[in-house]
Protein backbone atom coordinates (compact mmCIF):
# COMPACT_ATOMS: atom_id res chain seq x y z
CA MET A 1 -1.12 63.92 -95.25
CA LYS A 2 -2.87 61.30 -93.16
CA THR A 3 -5.90 62.18 -91.02
CA ILE A 4 -6.09 60.51 -87.64
CA SER A 5 -8.87 60.56 -85.07
CA ILE A 6 -7.76 60.83 -81.44
CA GLN A 7 -9.84 59.84 -78.43
CA ALA A 8 -8.72 59.69 -74.78
CA GLU A 9 -9.18 56.62 -72.61
CA LYS A 10 -12.77 55.47 -72.33
CA SER A 11 -12.77 55.70 -68.52
CA GLN A 12 -12.62 59.49 -68.75
CA LEU A 13 -14.75 62.03 -70.53
CA SER A 14 -13.09 62.23 -73.92
CA HIS A 15 -13.11 64.33 -77.05
CA ARG A 16 -12.58 63.20 -80.60
CA LYS A 17 -10.41 65.43 -82.79
CA LEU A 18 -9.26 64.95 -86.37
CA ILE A 19 -5.69 66.06 -86.96
CA ASP A 20 -3.53 66.28 -90.06
CA ILE A 21 -0.04 64.81 -89.71
CA PRO A 22 2.68 65.29 -92.32
CA GLU A 23 3.73 62.01 -93.95
CA ASP A 24 7.26 62.01 -92.47
CA VAL A 25 5.90 62.62 -88.96
CA PHE A 26 3.33 59.87 -89.49
CA ARG A 27 6.05 57.39 -90.47
CA THR A 28 8.34 58.36 -87.59
CA LEU A 29 5.59 58.12 -84.98
CA SER A 30 4.40 54.82 -86.46
CA VAL A 31 7.89 53.36 -86.06
CA LYS A 32 8.17 54.64 -82.48
CA ALA A 33 4.77 53.14 -81.65
CA ALA A 34 5.74 49.80 -83.21
CA VAL A 35 8.96 49.72 -81.18
CA MET A 36 6.85 50.21 -78.04
CA GLY A 37 4.46 47.48 -79.15
CA ILE A 38 1.40 49.72 -79.39
CA ASN A 39 -0.59 51.19 -82.26
CA LEU A 40 -0.09 54.75 -83.47
CA LYS A 41 -3.37 56.03 -82.05
CA LYS A 42 -2.52 54.81 -78.55
CA TYR A 43 1.01 56.21 -78.84
CA ILE A 44 -0.22 59.69 -79.82
CA GLU A 45 -2.80 59.60 -76.99
CA GLN A 46 -0.01 58.79 -74.53
CA LEU A 47 2.17 61.62 -75.85
CA LEU A 48 -0.67 64.11 -75.45
CA ALA A 49 -1.58 62.87 -71.96
CA GLU A 50 2.05 63.11 -70.81
CA ASP A 51 2.38 66.62 -72.24
CA ALA A 52 -0.80 67.75 -70.49
CA ALA A 53 0.32 66.20 -67.20
CA GLU A 54 3.55 68.20 -67.32
CA MET A 55 1.69 71.53 -67.25
CA ASP A 56 1.56 72.88 -63.74
CA ASP A 57 -1.42 74.65 -62.22
CA ALA A 58 0.40 78.00 -62.05
CA GLU A 59 1.05 77.92 -65.80
CA ILE A 60 -2.59 77.11 -66.53
CA TYR A 61 -3.76 79.85 -64.14
CA ARG A 62 -1.46 82.45 -65.78
CA HIS A 63 -2.86 81.57 -69.19
CA LEU A 64 -6.48 81.73 -68.02
CA VAL A 65 -5.97 85.06 -66.24
CA SER A 66 -4.42 86.60 -69.35
CA THR A 67 -6.97 85.20 -71.81
CA ARG A 68 -10.15 85.08 -69.70
CA PRO A 69 -10.38 88.43 -67.88
CA GLU A 70 -13.97 87.77 -66.81
CA GLY A 71 -12.51 85.51 -64.12
CA GLN A 72 -10.91 88.54 -62.48
CA ILE A 73 -14.22 90.27 -61.77
CA MET A 74 -15.56 89.59 -58.29
CA VAL A 75 -19.16 88.43 -58.11
CA SER A 76 -21.72 90.54 -56.30
CA GLU A 77 -23.29 89.32 -53.06
CA THR A 78 -26.52 88.65 -54.99
CA GLU A 79 -24.71 86.49 -57.57
CA LYS A 80 -22.86 84.66 -54.80
CA ASP A 81 -26.12 84.03 -52.92
CA ASP A 82 -27.86 82.79 -56.09
CA PHE A 83 -24.97 80.42 -56.82
CA MET A 84 -24.97 79.02 -53.29
CA ARG A 85 -28.75 78.56 -53.35
CA ARG A 86 -28.69 76.77 -56.74
CA HIS A 87 -25.96 74.38 -55.64
CA GLY A 88 -27.15 73.85 -52.08
CA ILE A 89 -23.97 75.02 -50.41
CA GLY A 90 -23.25 77.20 -47.39
CA PRO A 91 -26.40 78.15 -45.51
CA TYR A 92 -28.56 76.45 -48.19
CA ARG A 93 -27.56 72.84 -47.37
């Protein structure tokens, strides 16, 4: 298996992640990238960016609600006031 490092475009905050790709997948993606005239790294980055762009907000929200239940708990007035004060919003502008 080949190990490839992936990094998003430099203009955005990016993350580096090592992934293992089976040899046959590596060869296939390399050929597809060559046909497009780009290197494999750039091709994989484009595939991931396109896949992420296809997710709609409702799908993301459903996932977060089911996996992050703390987001369903309403904040108290004190917590809300502290947040607004810290960030200079509302009456604390």
